[in-house]
Amino acid sequence: MKHLLYFLFMGLTLSPHAQNETDLFRFSKTTYSGSARFEAMGGSFGALGADLSSSQVNPAGYGRYSSSQIGITTYGGIRSNSTTFNEQITAEKKGIGGISNFAIVLTEDASRASNGILYKQIGFGMNRIENFKETVHYEGQQYASLLDEFTGQAYGYEPILLNSYFPFSTYLGYESYAINYDPSTNSYYSLLNEGDVIHNRTIQSKGGQTELFVSYSANYMNKLYIGGNIGFRYHKYEELIDHKETLTDTTGTDLRGFNYRYDLRTSGWGTNLKIGIIYLATEADRFGFAIHSPTFTELTDNFSADMSSEFKDSSFSVPVELLPSGNYKYRIRNPWRFIGSFAHVFSTRGCVNLDVEFLDYRWAHFRTTKDDTYAPYDYKIENEYAKSVFKPAVNVRLGGEYRIYSTIFIRGGIAYYGNAFISDTEAENSPLLIGSTGFGIKSKTFTLDVAYKINLSNQNYFAFSNSVAEVQRTASTLFVSFALNF
């Protein structure tokens, strides 16, 4: 069963809606990002806490604070990929950077109440949990063409109906004269000959997911820590696909090639709730547990497309007034998350923490919009298909730090994020692996932390049926944090 990732995504079917399991996966996958200490330890903080990023994993982590703190983290790096298309390899690099975490924790000494509550904390801040900025490019030669998809899908539809049923595909091919219509068979044929075509495709994406949060926590007898977190998540995703094909042999045709462009812009807000506890079985051994509710999100897609064709003695473009565009508002619910954690503290020398996170991507689904401006749509087909290709996943994060001097720490971490798709979809064919390291300087009044992180993953990218490229991704990022205690 092939996962036609972008064939469906570009709206090449009869459905007027372009949303599919790719969107569900994009907005359900969360790898977390935060302070340099958090990053250096692989994001593993579920039973440790006392870090400005820890609330996003386990809100009880803020309960470990006995004083107030404010801090900020900046990051910068390179996201690179190597794409193999029919044995031809193409490489791309893209710089990334920004603020990954900003937070403030206000701590109140509540011990005078004599009810066992020693400290209460209120936290505010933001975490940049995903970054979509990337450029993927590939080129190579093959027989299958995007025009094959355009001609095959419109069989039985007269040209006057193309703008209504296939506005982003066959209609553009027909209006740019790369596709002709045969009234005797009520079908379409391209002006390609029997030779190969050279594919040249660039996918430019940007945006990300940023979560603003408000957190409340408490410390009970330095033994039990509880916390809750309300998150307001902003989603933004932009993608521009530029697909070019050039004929290798022009025998019997005046067509020399064509250029197809598709532009998608998605944005919206969502809310979620996180609750958690940390329990100190002993001063050295600590356990944590957290539950993350789904993020209930409303998104708006804006999409448009364009196409032009090159011939021997002329060229044709679709007139601007005939170019298709559309927009649609819809809702997404991503999966619940359950996180169990264990930490061991080596007195004043250091610590180690293990997080095991479970989520089932089959719980992610679409819902129709509540906005009366848009026609309702039940997404039954899309949700059933997504459920058939998704599976449960286990994410594991392991990290630790060691004090090498009274105020200097070294750190390291690894993380494994499980595959969301069942194996025969060929869509996401490897887990995400993360390795990190770093160091920190900590005094009574401030902390300065630095971390380096590298992400590795592979993915099969389907431009359309019978056209697949393998993308190997690497992201190298440097994080720097500064925090003040008060």
Protein backbone atom coordinates (compact mmCIF):
# COMPACT_ATOMS: atom_id res chain seq x y z
CA MET A 1 0.00 0.00 0.00
CA LYS A 2 1.69 3.18 -1.15
CA HIS A 3 1.42 6.35 0.88
CA LEU A 4 0.90 8.94 -1.85
CA LEU A 5 2.14 11.71 0.34
CA TYR A 6 1.95 14.69 -1.93
CA PHE A 7 -0.31 13.27 -4.60
CA LEU A 8 -3.15 13.51 -2.11
CA PHE A 9 -1.72 16.58 -0.46
CA MET A 10 -1.85 18.67 -3.63
CA GLY A 11 -5.57 18.11 -3.92
CA LEU A 12 -5.42 15.95 -7.01
CA THR A 13 -8.50 13.94 -6.14
CA LEU A 14 -12.18 14.74 -6.43
CA SER A 15 -12.31 16.02 -2.85
CA PRO A 16 -12.31 19.81 -2.50
CA HIS A 17 -10.33 19.39 0.74
CA ALA A 18 -6.57 18.94 0.67
CA GLN A 19 -6.15 17.73 4.26
CA ASN A 20 -4.86 14.22 4.89
CA GLU A 21 -2.77 12.06 7.22
CA THR A 22 0.33 14.12 6.39
CA ASP A 23 -1.23 17.10 8.15
CA LEU A 24 -2.25 14.95 11.11
CA PHE A 25 1.30 13.66 11.48
CA ARG A 26 2.91 17.08 11.08
CA PHE A 27 0.85 18.63 13.86
CA SER A 28 0.90 15.56 16.15
CA LYS A 29 4.63 14.89 16.18
CA THR A 30 6.35 16.78 19.02
CA THR A 31 10.03 16.41 19.86
CA TYR A 32 10.23 19.29 22.39
CA SER A 33 12.79 22.07 22.44
CA GLY A 34 13.91 24.36 25.22
CA SER A 35 16.79 25.47 27.39
CA ALA A 36 20.38 24.44 26.67
CA ARG A 37 20.44 22.24 29.79
CA PHE A 38 17.21 20.56 28.67
CA GLU A 39 18.60 20.04 25.15
CA ALA A 40 21.99 18.76 26.33
CA MET A 41 20.24 16.05 28.37
CA GLY A 42 18.11 14.86 25.44
CA GLY A 43 14.95 16.57 26.72
CA SER A 44 14.83 14.00 29.55
CA PHE A 45 13.49 15.81 32.63
CA GLY A 46 10.29 14.04 33.66
CA ALA A 47 11.45 13.15 37.18
CA LEU A 48 14.00 15.94 37.69
CA GLY A 49 12.40 19.34 37.11
CA ALA A 50 13.87 22.66 38.26
CA ASP A 51 14.52 23.69 34.66
CA LEU A 52 12.64 26.38 32.73
CA SER A 53 11.79 23.85 29.99
CA SER A 54 10.77 20.98 32.26
CA SER A 55 7.12 22.03 32.50
CA GLN A 56 6.47 21.00 28.89
CA VAL A 57 7.32 17.38 29.76
CA ASN A 58 6.06 17.24 33.35
CA PRO A 59 4.44 20.35 34.89
CA ALA A 60 5.38 19.07 38.36
CA GLY A 61 8.96 19.94 37.43
CA TYR A 62 8.37 23.58 38.39
CA GLY A 63 7.49 22.33 41.86
CA ARG A 64 11.19 21.67 42.39
CA TYR A 65 11.91 25.40 42.48
CA SER A 66 12.52 26.98 45.89
CA SER A 67 13.36 30.42 44.45
CA SER A 68 12.25 32.42 41.43
CA GLN A 69 14.00 32.32 38.07
CA ILE A 70 13.82 33.99 34.66
CA GLY A 71 15.71 32.88 31.57
CA ILE A 72 15.97 32.84 27.80
CA THR A 73 17.48 30.44 25.26
CA THR A 74 18.58 31.19 21.70
CA TYR A 75 19.56 28.66 19.07
CA GLY A 76 21.14 28.50 15.64
CA GLY A 77 22.25 25.78 13.30
CA ILE A 78 22.11 24.04 9.95
CA ARG A 79 19.42 21.71 8.66
CA SER A 80 20.73 19.64 5.77
CA ASN A 81 19.43 16.74 3.73
CA SER A 82 20.58 14.37 1.02
CA THR A 83 17.90 13.24 -1.45
CA THR A 84 18.26 10.20 -3.69
CA PHE A 85 16.04 10.06 -6.77
CA ASN A 86 16.62 7.21 -9.21
CA GLU A 87 20.23 6.86 -7.98
CA GLN A 88 20.98 10.56 -8.39
CA ILE A 89 21.89 12.34 -5.14
CA THR A 90 21.19 16.01 -4.42
CA ALA A 91 22.11 17.87 -1.22
CA GLU A 92 20.62 21.00 0.36
CA LYS A 93 21.36 23.08 3.46
CA LYS A 94 19.30 25.65 5.32
CA GLY A 95 20.16 27.84 8.29
CA ILE A 96 17.82 27.88 11.27
CA GLY A 97 17.72 30.02 14.39
CA GLY A 98 15.62 31.90 16.90
CA ILE A 99 14.43 31.68 20.51
CA SER A 100 13.66 28.16 21.74
CA ASN A 101 12.59 29.01 25.29
CA PHE A 102 11.66 31.99 27.40
CA ALA A 103 10.14 31.53 30.84
CA ILE A 104 9.74 32.94 34.31
CA VAL A 105 8.94 31.01 37.48
CA LEU A 106 7.63 32.95 40.49
CA THR A 107 8.03 31.01 43.73
CA GLU A 108 6.13 31.61 46.97
CA ASP A 109 7.23 30.30 50.37
CA ALA A 110 4.05 28.68 51.70
CA SER A 111 5.57 26.84 54.69
CA ARG A 112 3.97 29.15 57.29
CA ALA A 113 0.54 27.70 56.54
CA SER A 114 1.65 24.44 58.23
CA ASN A 115 -0.37 22.30 55.83
CA GLY A 116 2.57 20.49 54.31
CA ILE A 117 2.84 22.78 51.28
CA LEU A 118 6.34 24.27 51.39
CA TYR A 119 6.45 26.18 48.10
CA LYS A 120 4.04 27.20 45.35
CA GLN A 121 5.08 28.24 41.86
CA ILE A 122 3.44 30.06 38.98
CA GLY A 123 5.19 29.90 35.61
CA PHE A 124 4.75 31.69 32.29
CA GLY A 125 6.64 31.34 29.07
CA MET A 126 7.04 29.84 25.63
CA ASN A 127 8.72 26.85 24.03
CA ARG A 128 9.52 26.42 20.34
CA ILE A 129 8.55 22.77 20.00
CA GLU A 130 8.93 22.26 16.23
CA ASN A 131 10.73 24.03 13.38
CA PHE A 132 9.61 23.30 9.80
CA LYS A 133 12.20 25.41 7.99
CA GLU A 134 13.80 23.29 5.27
CA THR A 135 14.58 23.06 1.56
CA VAL A 136 14.48 19.69 -0.20
CA HIS A 137 15.63 19.43 -3.80
CA TYR A 138 16.07 16.51 -6.15
CA GLU A 139 16.51 15.89 -9.84
CA GLY A 140 16.80 12.85 -12.04
CA GLN A 141 15.43 10.99 -15.02
CA GLN A 142 12.49 8.60 -15.24
CA TYR A 143 9.62 7.58 -17.51
CA ALA A 144 6.70 8.45 -15.19
CA SER A 145 5.53 12.06 -15.34
CA LEU A 146 3.23 14.27 -13.28
CA LEU A 147 1.21 14.69 -16.48
CA ASP A 148 0.36 10.97 -16.30
CA GLU A 149 -1.50 11.67 -13.06
CA PHE A 150 -3.25 14.69 -14.52
CA THR A 151 -4.49 12.86 -17.61
CA GLY A 152 -5.58 9.68 -15.82
CA GLN A 153 -7.68 11.24 -13.10
CA ALA A 154 -10.03 13.24 -15.36
CA TYR A 155 -11.25 10.38 -17.55
CA GLY A 156 -14.96 10.89 -18.33
CA TYR A 157 -15.02 14.60 -17.47
CA GLU A 158 -15.46 17.13 -20.22
CA PRO A 159 -13.11 20.16 -20.26
CA ILE A 160 -15.83 22.49 -19.04
CA LEU A 161 -15.91 20.51 -15.75
CA LEU A 162 -12.18 20.52 -15.05
CA ASN A 163 -12.15 23.79 -13.11
CA SER A 164 -14.81 22.42 -10.77
CA TYR A 165 -13.38 18.95 -10.15
CA PHE A 166 -9.64 19.15 -10.85
CA PRO A 167 -8.71 22.84 -10.53
CA PHE A 168 -5.18 22.21 -9.20
CA SER A 169 -4.17 19.49 -11.64
CA THR A 170 -5.78 18.48 -14.97
CA TYR A 171 -7.35 21.91 -15.41
CA LEU A 172 -3.93 23.61 -15.27
CA GLY A 173 -2.41 21.08 -17.67
CA TYR A 174 -5.24 21.64 -20.10
CA GLU A 175 -5.15 25.45 -19.88
CA SER A 176 -1.35 25.47 -20.41
CA TYR A 177 -1.74 23.16 -23.46
CA ALA A 178 0.44 20.37 -22.06
CA ILE A 179 -2.70 18.18 -22.08
CA ASN A 180 -5.22 17.69 -24.90
CA TYR A 181 -8.74 16.31 -24.92
CA ASP A 182 -10.06 13.51 -27.12
CA PRO A 183 -13.87 13.89 -27.40
CA SER A 184 -14.23 10.49 -29.08
CA THR A 185 -13.08 8.70 -25.93
CA ASN A 186 -13.93 11.44 -23.41
CA SER A 187 -10.37 11.22 -22.10
CA TYR A 188 -7.18 13.27 -21.94
CA TYR A 189 -3.67 12.67 -23.21
CA SER A 190 -0.43 14.53 -22.65
CA LEU A 191 1.89 15.77 -25.37
CA LEU A 192 4.74 13.69 -24.00
CA ASN A 193 6.26 11.06 -26.25
CA GLU A 194 7.55 7.62 -25.24
CA GLY A 195 10.85 8.97 -23.91
CA ASP A 196 11.96 9.78 -20.37
CA VAL A 197 11.65 13.15 -18.68
CA ILE A 198 14.09 14.90 -16.34
CA HIS A 199 12.47 15.79 -13.04
CA ASN A 200 13.59 18.81 -11.05
CA ARG A 201 11.61 19.42 -7.87
CA THR A 202 12.18 21.85 -4.99
CA ILE A 203 10.11 21.82 -1.79
CA GLN A 204 10.61 24.88 0.40
CA SER A 205 8.96 24.81 3.80
CA LYS A 206 9.02 27.08 6.82
CA GLY A 207 7.14 27.82 10.00
CA GLY A 208 6.88 25.82 13.20
CA GLN A 209 4.94 25.19 16.37
CA THR A 210 5.32 27.52 19.34
CA GLU A 211 3.59 26.94 22.66
CA LEU A 212 2.76 29.66 25.17
CA PHE A 213 1.96 28.30 28.62
CA VAL A 214 0.77 29.10 32.12
CA SER A 215 1.84 26.66 34.83
CA TYR A 216 0.99 26.10 38.49
CA SER A 217 2.80 23.72 40.84
CA ALA A 218 3.38 22.95 44.50
CA ASN A 219 5.89 21.21 46.75
CA TYR A 220 4.48 18.99 49.49
CA MET A 221 7.00 18.23 52.24
CA ASN A 222 9.89 18.00 49.74
CA LYS A 223 8.45 14.60 48.90
CA LEU A 224 5.60 15.04 46.44
CA TYR A 225 5.45 17.63 43.67
CA ILE A 226 2.33 18.30 41.62
CA GLY A 227 1.72 20.59 38.66
CA GLY A 228 -0.59 21.59 35.86
CA ASN A 229 0.04 23.42 32.63
CA ILE A 230 -2.31 25.07 30.12
CA GLY A 231 -0.74 25.44 26.68
CA PHE A 232 -1.72 27.74 23.82
CA ARG A 233 -0.06 26.37 20.70
CA TYR A 234 0.43 28.40 17.53
CA HIS A 235 0.84 26.41 14.33
CA LYS A 236 2.29 27.83 11.15
CA TYR A 237 3.32 25.89 8.07
CA GLU A 238 4.15 27.18 4.62
CA GLU A 239 5.21 25.05 1.67
CA LEU A 240 6.05 25.95 -1.91
CA ILE A 241 6.47 23.11 -4.41
CA ASP A 242 8.20 23.91 -7.68
CA HIS A 243 8.12 20.93 -10.04
CA LYS A 244 9.80 21.05 -13.47
CA GLU A 245 10.01 18.38 -16.14
CA THR A 246 12.05 18.45 -19.34
CA LEU A 247 11.83 15.95 -22.19
CA THR A 248 15.01 14.02 -23.01
CA ASP A 249 13.80 13.20 -26.52
CA THR A 250 11.50 15.52 -28.50
CA THR A 251 10.81 13.18 -31.40
CA GLY A 252 7.20 13.53 -32.55
CA THR A 253 6.23 16.37 -30.20
CA ASP A 254 6.69 20.11 -29.92
CA LEU A 255 6.46 19.99 -26.10
CA ARG A 256 9.81 20.63 -24.42
CA GLY A 257 8.77 20.71 -20.77
CA PHE A 258 6.52 22.27 -18.14
CA ASN A 259 6.65 23.89 -14.71
CA TYR A 260 4.07 23.25 -11.99
CA ARG A 261 3.89 25.24 -8.73
CA TYR A 262 1.78 24.63 -5.64
CA ASP A 263 1.65 26.97 -2.64
CA LEU A 264 0.17 26.03 0.75
CA ARG A 265 -0.09 28.23 3.86
CA THR A 266 -1.52 26.83 7.09
CA SER A 267 -1.98 28.62 10.40
CA GLY A 268 -4.05 28.33 13.54
CA TRP A 269 -4.20 28.04 17.33
CA GLY A 270 -4.79 25.14 19.68
CA THR A 271 -5.07 24.51 23.41
CA ASN A 272 -4.03 21.63 25.64
CA LEU A 273 -3.68 20.61 29.26
CA LYS A 274 -0.79 18.83 30.98
CA ILE A 275 -0.77 17.46 34.52
CA GLY A 276 1.98 15.64 36.36
CA ILE A 277 3.54 14.48 39.59
CA ILE A 278 7.05 13.81 40.86
CA TYR A 279 7.56 11.57 43.88
CA LEU A 280 10.82 11.17 45.80
CA ALA A 281 10.90 7.55 46.97
CA THR A 282 14.28 8.39 48.47
CA GLU A 283 16.47 11.44 48.15
CA ALA A 284 18.28 9.62 45.35
CA ASP A 285 15.45 7.83 43.52
CA ARG A 286 12.65 9.85 41.98
CA PHE A 287 9.64 8.92 39.89
CA GLY A 288 7.53 11.07 37.60
CA PHE A 289 4.32 10.66 35.65
CA ALA A 290 2.57 13.09 33.32
CA ILE A 291 -0.47 13.11 31.05
CA HIS A 292 -0.78 15.45 28.07
CA SER A 293 -4.24 16.00 26.67
CA PRO A 294 -4.72 16.30 22.92
CA THR A 295 -4.15 19.75 21.46
CA PHE A 296 -7.50 20.88 20.12
CA THR A 297 -6.59 23.02 17.12
CA GLU A 298 -8.43 25.02 14.48
CA LEU A 299 -6.44 25.57 11.30
CA THR A 300 -6.96 27.45 8.06
CA ASP A 301 -5.40 26.29 4.79
CA ASN A 302 -4.85 28.72 1.93
CA PHE A 303 -3.66 27.10 -1.30
CA SER A 304 -3.02 28.07 -4.91
CA ALA A 305 -1.35 26.62 -8.00
CA ASP A 306 0.11 27.66 -11.33
CA MET A 307 1.48 25.96 -14.43
CA SER A 308 3.27 26.87 -17.65
CA SER A 309 4.46 24.86 -20.66
CA GLU A 310 7.38 25.25 -23.04
CA PHE A 311 7.08 24.29 -26.70
CA LYS A 312 9.48 24.32 -29.62
CA ASP A 313 8.50 27.80 -30.83
CA SER A 314 6.29 29.14 -28.03
CA SER A 315 5.32 28.98 -24.39
CA PHE A 316 1.97 29.08 -22.60
CA SER A 317 0.97 30.17 -19.11
CA VAL A 318 -2.40 30.01 -17.43
CA PRO A 319 -3.87 33.54 -17.32
CA VAL A 320 -3.76 35.08 -13.86
CA GLU A 321 -7.54 35.45 -13.73
CA LEU A 322 -7.92 31.69 -14.31
CA LEU A 323 -5.45 30.51 -11.68
CA PRO A 324 -7.11 28.39 -8.99
CA SER A 325 -6.95 29.19 -5.29
CA GLY A 326 -8.89 28.16 -2.25
CA ASN A 327 -9.06 28.10 1.52
CA TYR A 328 -10.67 25.94 4.13
CA LYS A 329 -10.92 25.94 7.91
CA TYR A 330 -10.90 22.70 9.85
CA ARG A 331 -10.05 21.24 13.25
CA ILE A 332 -7.46 18.70 14.38
CA ARG A 333 -7.19 16.69 17.56
CA ASN A 334 -3.79 15.08 18.08
CA PRO A 335 -3.12 12.09 20.40
CA TRP A 336 -3.00 11.85 24.18
CA ARG A 337 0.50 11.38 25.63
CA PHE A 338 1.51 9.40 28.72
CA ILE A 339 4.99 9.88 30.14
CA GLY A 340 6.64 7.79 32.84
CA SER A 341 9.98 8.88 34.26
CA PHE A 342 12.70 7.71 36.63
CA ALA A 343 15.68 9.69 37.90
CA HIS A 344 18.62 8.86 40.13
CA VAL A 345 20.59 11.62 41.82
CA PHE A 346 24.20 10.94 42.81
CA SER A 347 24.27 13.20 45.87
CA THR A 348 25.81 16.50 44.72
CA ARG A 349 27.80 14.91 41.88
CA GLY A 350 25.15 14.56 39.20
CA CYS A 351 22.01 12.80 38.02
CA VAL A 352 20.48 10.63 35.30
CA ASN A 353 16.88 10.65 34.01
CA LEU A 354 14.86 8.32 31.80
CA ASP A 355 11.57 9.30 30.12
CA VAL A 356 9.36 6.78 28.33
CA GLU A 357 6.49 8.35 26.39
CA PHE A 358 3.57 6.55 24.78
CA LEU A 359 1.17 7.94 22.18
CA ASP A 360 -1.07 6.36 19.58
CA TYR A 361 -1.16 8.28 16.32
CA ARG A 362 -4.39 6.47 15.43
CA TRP A 363 -6.10 8.76 17.97
CA ALA A 364 -5.35 11.79 15.80
CA HIS A 365 -8.20 12.88 13.59
CA PHE A 366 -9.87 15.72 11.74
CA ARG A 367 -13.08 17.48 12.70
CA THR A 368 -15.24 19.79 10.67
CA THR A 369 -15.04 23.51 11.28
CA LYS A 370 -17.49 25.38 13.48
CA ASP A 371 -17.18 28.45 11.26
CA ASP A 372 -20.43 28.94 9.33
CA THR A 373 -18.46 30.65 6.56
CA TYR A 374 -17.27 27.22 5.41
CA ALA A 375 -19.34 24.24 4.36
CA PRO A 376 -19.14 21.35 6.88
CA TYR A 377 -17.20 18.23 5.96
CA ASP A 378 -17.15 15.01 8.03
CA TYR A 379 -13.63 13.75 7.09
CA LYS A 380 -14.80 10.16 7.46
CA ILE A 381 -12.68 8.89 4.57
CA GLU A 382 -9.58 10.81 5.64
CA ASN A 383 -9.87 9.71 9.28
CA GLU A 384 -10.41 6.06 8.39
CA TYR A 385 -7.42 6.07 6.06
CA ALA A 386 -5.22 7.80 8.63
CA LYS A 387 -6.21 5.21 11.23
CA SER A 388 -5.25 2.43 8.82
CA VAL A 389 -1.72 3.76 8.23
CA PHE A 390 -0.87 5.12 11.70
CA LYS A 391 0.24 3.05 14.67
CA PRO A 392 1.20 3.52 18.35
CA ALA A 393 4.67 4.87 19.06
CA VAL A 394 7.05 4.86 22.01
CA ASN A 395 9.49 7.73 22.52
CA VAL A 396 12.46 7.28 24.83
CA ARG A 397 14.73 10.01 26.21
CA LEU A 398 17.79 9.41 28.40
CA GLY A 399 20.00 12.15 29.79
CA GLY A 400 22.36 12.99 32.59
CA GLU A 401 24.76 15.55 33.99
CA TYR A 402 27.91 15.38 36.11
CA ARG A 403 29.53 18.06 38.25
CA ILE A 404 33.23 18.30 37.35
CA TYR A 405 33.85 21.35 39.52
CA SER A 406 31.83 23.18 42.18
CA THR A 407 30.03 25.33 39.56
CA ILE A 408 30.67 23.48 36.27
CA PHE A 409 28.59 20.63 34.83
CA ILE A 410 28.94 18.45 31.73
CA ARG A 411 25.90 16.81 30.17
CA GLY A 412 24.80 14.31 27.56
CA GLY A 413 21.64 12.76 26.21
CA ILE A 414 20.03 10.58 23.56
CA ALA A 415 16.45 10.38 22.34
CA TYR A 416 14.49 7.95 20.18
CA TYR A 417 11.16 8.97 18.62
CA GLY A 418 9.24 6.00 17.25
CA ASN A 419 7.80 5.64 13.79
CA ALA A 420 4.20 6.86 13.41
CA PHE A 421 3.41 4.85 10.27
CA ILE A 422 3.02 1.11 9.80
CA SER A 423 5.87 -0.34 7.76
CA ASP A 424 4.07 -0.99 4.47
CA THR A 425 3.09 2.66 3.97
CA GLU A 426 6.69 3.46 3.00
CA ALA A 427 6.13 6.98 4.29
CA GLU A 428 8.22 7.43 7.40
CA ASN A 429 10.69 4.58 7.19
CA SER A 430 12.93 5.29 10.15
CA PRO A 431 12.60 6.61 13.70
CA LEU A 432 14.03 9.99 14.63
CA LEU A 433 17.31 9.75 16.55
CA ILE A 434 18.77 12.61 18.59
CA GLY A 435 22.13 12.90 20.29
CA SER A 436 23.21 15.85 22.43
CA THR A 437 25.91 17.14 24.74
CA GLY A 438 26.77 20.35 26.56
CA PHE A 439 28.03 22.07 29.67
CA GLY A 440 26.83 24.61 32.20
CA ILE A 441 28.04 27.09 34.76
CA LYS A 442 25.84 27.54 37.80
CA SER A 443 26.14 30.06 40.63
CA LYS A 444 23.74 31.30 43.29
CA THR A 445 22.59 34.19 41.11
CA PHE A 446 22.81 32.97 37.49
CA THR A 447 23.29 30.00 35.18
CA LEU A 448 24.91 29.86 31.74
CA ASP A 449 24.38 26.73 29.64
CA VAL A 450 25.51 25.64 26.19
CA ALA A 451 24.31 22.57 24.25
CA TYR A 452 24.88 20.93 20.88
CA LYS A 453 22.26 18.63 19.37
CA ILE A 454 22.14 16.52 16.20
CA ASN A 455 18.97 14.99 14.69
CA LEU A 456 18.98 12.10 12.20
CA SER A 457 16.03 10.71 10.23
CA ASN A 458 15.02 9.20 6.87
CA GLN A 459 11.80 9.59 4.91
CA ASN A 460 10.34 8.44 1.61
CA TYR A 461 8.88 11.39 -0.28
CA PHE A 462 6.20 10.62 -2.89
CA ALA A 463 5.72 13.42 -5.40
CA PHE A 464 3.02 11.28 -7.05
CA SER A 465 2.46 7.60 -7.72
CA ASN A 466 5.52 5.88 -9.27
CA SER A 467 7.76 8.78 -8.27
CA VAL A 468 9.55 8.43 -4.95
CA ALA A 469 12.68 10.01 -3.50
CA GLU A 470 14.49 9.01 -0.31
CA VAL A 471 15.37 11.93 1.96
CA GLN A 472 18.07 11.59 4.62
CA ARG A 473 17.93 14.48 7.09
CA THR A 474 20.50 15.88 9.52
CA ALA A 475 20.03 18.90 11.77
CA SER A 476 22.88 20.32 13.85
CA THR A 477 21.90 22.96 16.41
CA LEU A 478 23.71 25.00 19.06
CA PHE A 479 21.77 26.33 22.08
CA VAL A 480 22.82 29.02 24.57
CA SER A 481 20.82 29.80 27.73
CA PHE A 482 21.12 32.44 30.39
CA ALA A 483 19.00 32.55 33.54
CA LEU A 484 18.85 34.72 36.67
CA ASN A 485 17.73 33.60 40.12
CA PHE A 486 15.91 36.06 42.38
